[in-house]
N, C-alpha and C. Protein backbone atom coordinates (compact mmCIF):
# COMPACT_ATOMS: atom_id res chain seq x y z
N MET A 1 0.81 -1.19 0.00
CA MET A 1 0.00 0.00 0.00
C MET A 1 0.86 1.26 0.00
N ARG A 2 2.09 1.13 0.52
CA ARG A 2 2.95 2.32 0.60
C ARG A 2 3.37 2.81 -0.78
N LEU A 3 3.28 1.95 -1.78
CA LEU A 3 3.59 2.36 -3.16
C LEU A 3 2.33 2.60 -3.98
N ALA A 4 1.35 1.75 -3.79
CA ALA A 4 0.17 1.77 -4.66
C ALA A 4 -0.72 2.99 -4.46
N LEU A 5 -1.06 3.30 -3.22
CA LEU A 5 -1.93 4.46 -2.98
C LEU A 5 -1.31 5.77 -3.47
N PRO A 6 -0.04 6.03 -3.14
CA PRO A 6 0.56 7.25 -3.67
C PRO A 6 0.60 7.29 -5.20
N GLN A 7 0.88 6.14 -5.84
CA GLN A 7 0.91 6.11 -7.30
C GLN A 7 -0.48 6.35 -7.87
N LEU A 8 -1.49 5.76 -7.28
CA LEU A 8 -2.87 5.96 -7.72
C LEU A 8 -3.21 7.45 -7.69
N ARG A 9 -2.86 8.10 -6.61
CA ARG A 9 -3.17 9.53 -6.45
C ARG A 9 -2.33 10.40 -7.38
N ARG A 10 -1.05 10.07 -7.55
CA ARG A 10 -0.19 10.83 -8.48
C ARG A 10 -0.72 10.74 -9.90
N SER A 11 -1.09 9.55 -10.31
CA SER A 11 -1.58 9.37 -11.68
C SER A 11 -2.88 10.14 -11.90
N ARG A 12 -3.77 10.10 -10.93
CA ARG A 12 -5.01 10.87 -11.05
C ARG A 12 -4.70 12.37 -11.17
N GLN A 13 -3.81 12.84 -10.32
CA GLN A 13 -3.47 14.27 -10.31
C GLN A 13 -2.79 14.71 -11.60
N SER A 14 -2.11 13.78 -12.27
CA SER A 14 -1.41 14.15 -13.50
C SER A 14 -2.32 14.08 -14.72
N GLY A 15 -3.60 13.74 -14.51
CA GLY A 15 -4.55 13.74 -15.61
C GLY A 15 -4.87 12.39 -16.20
N ALA A 16 -4.36 11.32 -15.61
CA ALA A 16 -4.68 9.98 -16.10
C ALA A 16 -6.16 9.69 -15.87
N THR A 17 -6.73 8.87 -16.73
CA THR A 17 -8.10 8.41 -16.48
C THR A 17 -8.09 7.51 -15.26
N GLU A 18 -9.26 7.21 -14.73
CA GLU A 18 -9.33 6.32 -13.56
C GLU A 18 -8.73 4.96 -13.90
N GLY A 19 -9.05 4.43 -15.06
CA GLY A 19 -8.49 3.14 -15.47
C GLY A 19 -6.97 3.17 -15.58
N GLU A 20 -6.45 4.23 -16.15
CA GLU A 20 -5.00 4.37 -16.27
C GLU A 20 -4.35 4.48 -14.89
N ALA A 21 -4.95 5.25 -14.01
CA ALA A 21 -4.42 5.40 -12.65
C ALA A 21 -4.39 4.07 -11.92
N ARG A 22 -5.41 3.27 -12.13
CA ARG A 22 -5.46 1.96 -11.47
C ARG A 22 -4.39 1.02 -12.02
N ILE A 23 -4.16 1.06 -13.32
CA ILE A 23 -3.11 0.22 -13.89
C ILE A 23 -1.74 0.69 -13.40
N ASP A 24 -1.55 2.00 -13.32
CA ASP A 24 -0.29 2.51 -12.77
C ASP A 24 -0.10 2.04 -11.32
N ALA A 25 -1.16 2.02 -10.54
CA ALA A 25 -1.07 1.53 -9.16
C ALA A 25 -0.69 0.04 -9.15
N LEU A 26 -1.27 -0.72 -10.08
CA LEU A 26 -0.91 -2.13 -10.21
C LEU A 26 0.57 -2.26 -10.54
N MET A 27 1.06 -1.43 -11.44
CA MET A 27 2.48 -1.47 -11.79
C MET A 27 3.34 -1.16 -10.57
N ALA A 28 2.92 -0.21 -9.75
CA ALA A 28 3.67 0.13 -8.54
C ALA A 28 3.76 -1.08 -7.61
N ILE A 29 2.67 -1.80 -7.47
CA ILE A 29 2.67 -3.01 -6.65
C ILE A 29 3.64 -4.04 -7.24
N MET A 30 3.55 -4.21 -8.55
CA MET A 30 4.36 -5.23 -9.23
C MET A 30 5.85 -4.95 -9.19
N THR A 31 6.26 -3.70 -8.96
CA THR A 31 7.69 -3.40 -8.91
C THR A 31 8.40 -4.02 -7.72
N SER A 32 7.66 -4.28 -6.64
CA SER A 32 8.33 -4.74 -5.43
C SER A 32 7.76 -6.02 -4.82
N LEU A 33 6.61 -6.45 -5.27
CA LEU A 33 5.97 -7.62 -4.67
C LEU A 33 6.67 -8.92 -5.10
N SER A 34 6.90 -9.79 -4.15
CA SER A 34 7.33 -11.16 -4.46
C SER A 34 6.07 -11.99 -4.67
N ASP A 35 5.49 -11.85 -5.84
CA ASP A 35 4.19 -12.44 -6.16
C ASP A 35 4.32 -13.96 -6.27
N THR A 36 3.69 -14.68 -5.34
CA THR A 36 3.83 -16.14 -5.33
C THR A 36 3.16 -16.79 -6.54
N CYS A 37 2.17 -16.14 -7.12
CA CYS A 37 1.56 -16.68 -8.34
C CYS A 37 2.58 -16.70 -9.47
N VAL A 38 3.33 -15.62 -9.60
CA VAL A 38 4.37 -15.54 -10.64
C VAL A 38 5.51 -16.49 -10.30
N LEU A 39 5.93 -16.51 -9.05
CA LEU A 39 7.02 -17.40 -8.64
C LEU A 39 6.70 -18.86 -8.90
N SER A 40 5.47 -19.27 -8.63
CA SER A 40 5.12 -20.67 -8.80
C SER A 40 5.06 -21.08 -10.27
N ARG A 41 4.74 -20.14 -11.15
CA ARG A 41 4.64 -20.47 -12.58
C ARG A 41 5.93 -20.23 -13.35
N ALA A 42 6.69 -19.21 -12.94
CA ALA A 42 7.82 -18.80 -13.77
C ALA A 42 9.12 -18.62 -12.99
N GLY A 43 9.12 -18.91 -11.71
CA GLY A 43 10.33 -18.82 -10.92
C GLY A 43 10.86 -17.40 -10.78
N LEU A 44 12.14 -17.33 -10.39
CA LEU A 44 12.76 -16.02 -10.18
C LEU A 44 12.88 -15.23 -11.48
N THR A 45 13.06 -15.92 -12.60
CA THR A 45 13.11 -15.23 -13.89
C THR A 45 11.80 -14.49 -14.14
N GLY A 46 10.69 -15.14 -13.88
CA GLY A 46 9.39 -14.51 -14.06
C GLY A 46 9.19 -13.34 -13.12
N LEU A 47 9.61 -13.52 -11.87
CA LEU A 47 9.46 -12.44 -10.89
C LEU A 47 10.27 -11.21 -11.31
N GLU A 48 11.51 -11.45 -11.73
CA GLU A 48 12.35 -10.33 -12.17
C GLU A 48 11.79 -9.68 -13.43
N THR A 49 11.25 -10.48 -14.33
CA THR A 49 10.62 -9.95 -15.54
C THR A 49 9.45 -9.05 -15.17
N MET A 50 8.62 -9.50 -14.23
CA MET A 50 7.47 -8.72 -13.79
C MET A 50 7.92 -7.41 -13.15
N GLN A 51 8.84 -7.51 -12.19
CA GLN A 51 9.27 -6.32 -11.46
C GLN A 51 9.95 -5.30 -12.37
N ASN A 52 10.85 -5.76 -13.22
CA ASN A 52 11.56 -4.84 -14.11
C ASN A 52 10.63 -4.26 -15.17
N GLY A 53 9.72 -5.07 -15.68
CA GLY A 53 8.78 -4.58 -16.68
C GLY A 53 7.83 -3.54 -16.11
N ALA A 54 7.33 -3.79 -14.91
CA ALA A 54 6.44 -2.82 -14.26
C ALA A 54 7.18 -1.52 -13.97
N ARG A 55 8.43 -1.65 -13.53
CA ARG A 55 9.25 -0.46 -13.27
C ARG A 55 9.43 0.35 -14.56
N SER A 56 9.64 -0.33 -15.67
CA SER A 56 9.81 0.34 -16.96
C SER A 56 8.56 1.12 -17.36
N VAL A 57 7.38 0.53 -17.09
CA VAL A 57 6.13 1.24 -17.40
C VAL A 57 6.08 2.56 -16.64
N LEU A 58 6.40 2.53 -15.36
CA LEU A 58 6.33 3.74 -14.54
C LEU A 58 7.43 4.74 -14.89
N ILE A 59 8.63 4.24 -15.15
CA ILE A 59 9.74 5.13 -15.53
C ILE A 59 9.39 5.87 -16.82
N ASN A 60 8.63 5.21 -17.69
CA ASN A 60 8.24 5.81 -18.96
C ASN A 60 6.95 6.61 -18.86
N GLY A 61 6.55 6.98 -17.65
CA GLY A 61 5.43 7.90 -17.47
C GLY A 61 4.08 7.27 -17.22
N GLY A 62 4.04 5.95 -17.04
CA GLY A 62 2.75 5.28 -16.83
C GLY A 62 2.01 5.11 -18.14
N ILE A 63 0.84 4.49 -18.05
CA ILE A 63 0.17 4.15 -19.30
C ILE A 63 -0.62 5.28 -19.92
N SER A 64 -0.62 6.44 -19.30
CA SER A 64 -1.26 7.59 -19.95
C SER A 64 -0.34 8.18 -21.01
N ARG A 65 0.90 7.73 -21.05
CA ARG A 65 1.86 8.17 -22.07
C ARG A 65 2.16 7.01 -23.02
N GLN A 66 2.43 7.32 -24.26
CA GLN A 66 2.69 6.29 -25.26
C GLN A 66 3.88 5.41 -24.86
N GLU A 67 4.93 6.03 -24.32
CA GLU A 67 6.11 5.26 -23.92
C GLU A 67 5.75 4.25 -22.83
N GLY A 68 4.90 4.64 -21.92
CA GLY A 68 4.45 3.73 -20.87
C GLY A 68 3.60 2.61 -21.42
N ARG A 69 2.72 2.93 -22.37
CA ARG A 69 1.90 1.88 -23.01
C ARG A 69 2.78 0.91 -23.78
N ASP A 70 3.81 1.42 -24.44
CA ASP A 70 4.73 0.54 -25.16
C ASP A 70 5.44 -0.40 -24.19
N ALA A 71 5.87 0.13 -23.05
CA ALA A 71 6.53 -0.70 -22.04
C ALA A 71 5.55 -1.74 -21.48
N LEU A 72 4.28 -1.36 -21.33
CA LEU A 72 3.27 -2.30 -20.86
C LEU A 72 3.06 -3.42 -21.87
N ASP A 73 3.07 -3.08 -23.15
CA ASP A 73 2.94 -4.11 -24.19
C ASP A 73 4.08 -5.12 -24.12
N VAL A 74 5.29 -4.63 -23.90
CA VAL A 74 6.45 -5.52 -23.76
C VAL A 74 6.28 -6.41 -22.53
N LEU A 75 5.88 -5.82 -21.42
CA LEU A 75 5.66 -6.59 -20.19
C LEU A 75 4.59 -7.65 -20.42
N ASP A 76 3.51 -7.28 -21.07
CA ASP A 76 2.42 -8.22 -21.33
C ASP A 76 2.92 -9.41 -22.16
N ARG A 77 3.65 -9.13 -23.22
CA ARG A 77 4.17 -10.22 -24.06
C ARG A 77 5.12 -11.12 -23.28
N ASN A 78 5.99 -10.50 -22.48
CA ASN A 78 6.95 -11.29 -21.70
C ASN A 78 6.25 -12.17 -20.67
N MET A 79 5.25 -11.63 -20.00
CA MET A 79 4.54 -12.41 -18.99
C MET A 79 3.75 -13.55 -19.64
N LEU A 80 3.14 -13.27 -20.79
CA LEU A 80 2.42 -14.32 -21.50
C LEU A 80 3.36 -15.44 -21.94
N SER A 81 4.54 -15.08 -22.41
CA SER A 81 5.50 -16.10 -22.86
C SER A 81 5.96 -16.97 -21.70
N LEU A 82 5.93 -16.44 -20.50
CA LEU A 82 6.31 -17.19 -19.30
C LEU A 82 5.13 -17.90 -18.65
N ASN A 83 3.94 -17.68 -19.19
CA ASN A 83 2.70 -18.21 -18.60
C ASN A 83 2.56 -17.77 -17.14
N ALA A 84 2.92 -16.52 -16.89
CA ALA A 84 2.90 -15.99 -15.52
C ALA A 84 1.84 -14.91 -15.40
N SER A 85 1.07 -15.00 -14.34
CA SER A 85 0.01 -14.04 -14.08
C SER A 85 0.17 -13.49 -12.67
N PRO A 86 0.24 -12.16 -12.52
CA PRO A 86 0.47 -11.58 -11.20
C PRO A 86 -0.80 -11.51 -10.35
N GLY A 87 -1.30 -12.66 -9.96
CA GLY A 87 -2.53 -12.71 -9.17
C GLY A 87 -2.41 -12.08 -7.81
N GLY A 88 -1.25 -12.21 -7.18
CA GLY A 88 -1.05 -11.58 -5.88
C GLY A 88 -1.10 -10.07 -5.98
N ALA A 89 -0.52 -9.53 -7.04
CA ALA A 89 -0.55 -8.08 -7.26
C ALA A 89 -1.98 -7.61 -7.50
N ALA A 90 -2.74 -8.41 -8.23
CA ALA A 90 -4.14 -8.05 -8.49
C ALA A 90 -4.94 -8.00 -7.18
N ASP A 91 -4.68 -8.95 -6.30
CA ASP A 91 -5.36 -8.94 -5.00
C ASP A 91 -5.02 -7.69 -4.20
N LEU A 92 -3.75 -7.30 -4.23
CA LEU A 92 -3.35 -6.10 -3.50
C LEU A 92 -3.91 -4.84 -4.14
N LEU A 93 -4.09 -4.84 -5.46
CA LEU A 93 -4.73 -3.70 -6.10
C LEU A 93 -6.17 -3.57 -5.61
N ALA A 94 -6.87 -4.68 -5.50
CA ALA A 94 -8.25 -4.64 -4.99
C ALA A 94 -8.29 -4.04 -3.58
N ALA A 95 -7.36 -4.46 -2.73
CA ALA A 95 -7.29 -3.91 -1.38
C ALA A 95 -6.96 -2.42 -1.41
N THR A 96 -6.07 -2.02 -2.30
CA THR A 96 -5.71 -0.61 -2.45
C THR A 96 -6.93 0.22 -2.83
N LEU A 97 -7.70 -0.28 -3.78
CA LEU A 97 -8.88 0.46 -4.24
C LEU A 97 -9.93 0.56 -3.14
N LEU A 98 -10.05 -0.48 -2.33
CA LEU A 98 -10.98 -0.42 -1.20
C LEU A 98 -10.53 0.64 -0.19
N LEU A 99 -9.26 0.63 0.16
CA LEU A 99 -8.75 1.63 1.10
C LEU A 99 -8.89 3.04 0.55
N ASP A 100 -8.65 3.21 -0.74
CA ASP A 100 -8.81 4.52 -1.37
C ASP A 100 -10.27 4.97 -1.29
N ARG A 101 -11.17 4.06 -1.53
CA ARG A 101 -12.60 4.38 -1.48
C ARG A 101 -13.01 4.78 -0.07
N ILE A 102 -12.55 4.02 0.91
CA ILE A 102 -12.88 4.33 2.30
C ILE A 102 -12.32 5.69 2.69
N ALA A 103 -11.09 5.97 2.28
CA ALA A 103 -10.44 7.23 2.66
C ALA A 103 -11.08 8.44 1.99
N ASN A 104 -11.69 8.25 0.83
CA ASN A 104 -12.19 9.38 0.05
C ASN A 104 -13.70 9.44 -0.06
N ASP A 105 -14.40 8.62 0.70
CA ASP A 105 -15.85 8.56 0.57
C ASP A 105 -16.48 8.65 1.95
N ALA A 106 -17.44 9.52 2.08
CA ALA A 106 -18.13 9.68 3.36
C ALA A 106 -19.20 8.61 3.57
N THR A 107 -19.44 7.77 2.56
CA THR A 107 -20.43 6.71 2.67
C THR A 107 -19.98 5.71 3.74
N PRO A 108 -20.84 5.37 4.69
CA PRO A 108 -20.47 4.38 5.70
C PRO A 108 -20.08 3.05 5.05
N LEU A 109 -19.06 2.41 5.59
CA LEU A 109 -18.55 1.17 5.03
C LEU A 109 -19.63 0.11 4.91
N HIS A 110 -20.51 -0.01 5.90
CA HIS A 110 -21.53 -1.07 5.87
C HIS A 110 -22.47 -0.91 4.68
N SER A 111 -22.62 0.29 4.15
CA SER A 111 -23.51 0.47 3.00
C SER A 111 -22.84 0.08 1.69
N LEU A 112 -21.52 -0.14 1.70
CA LEU A 112 -20.80 -0.57 0.50
C LEU A 112 -20.88 -2.07 0.30
N ILE A 113 -21.28 -2.78 1.34
CA ILE A 113 -21.28 -4.24 1.29
C ILE A 113 -22.65 -4.76 0.89
């Protein structure tokens, strides 16, 4: 959460769409997570591919920029070739979005369920 929430907010503030901001937050998670889903399917090579590829997306400005989208395409192809899916990162993105919603919404939590 220490990477994902700030990235989500930075991307929104820089003019990214909500979908783009969420993907950027996912990339932030993927840069540092030891995702067991990726490790079990593709080993350390897959984990390094995921982390370095996600880092490249963000270094290139996130997916609201063409360079970031190009880096995401490379990451996607590499992950597919390894048959690796970052399921752990996806779970943490869901938790990030819930925390963001709670922090930014006056709606009582019980009414969201």
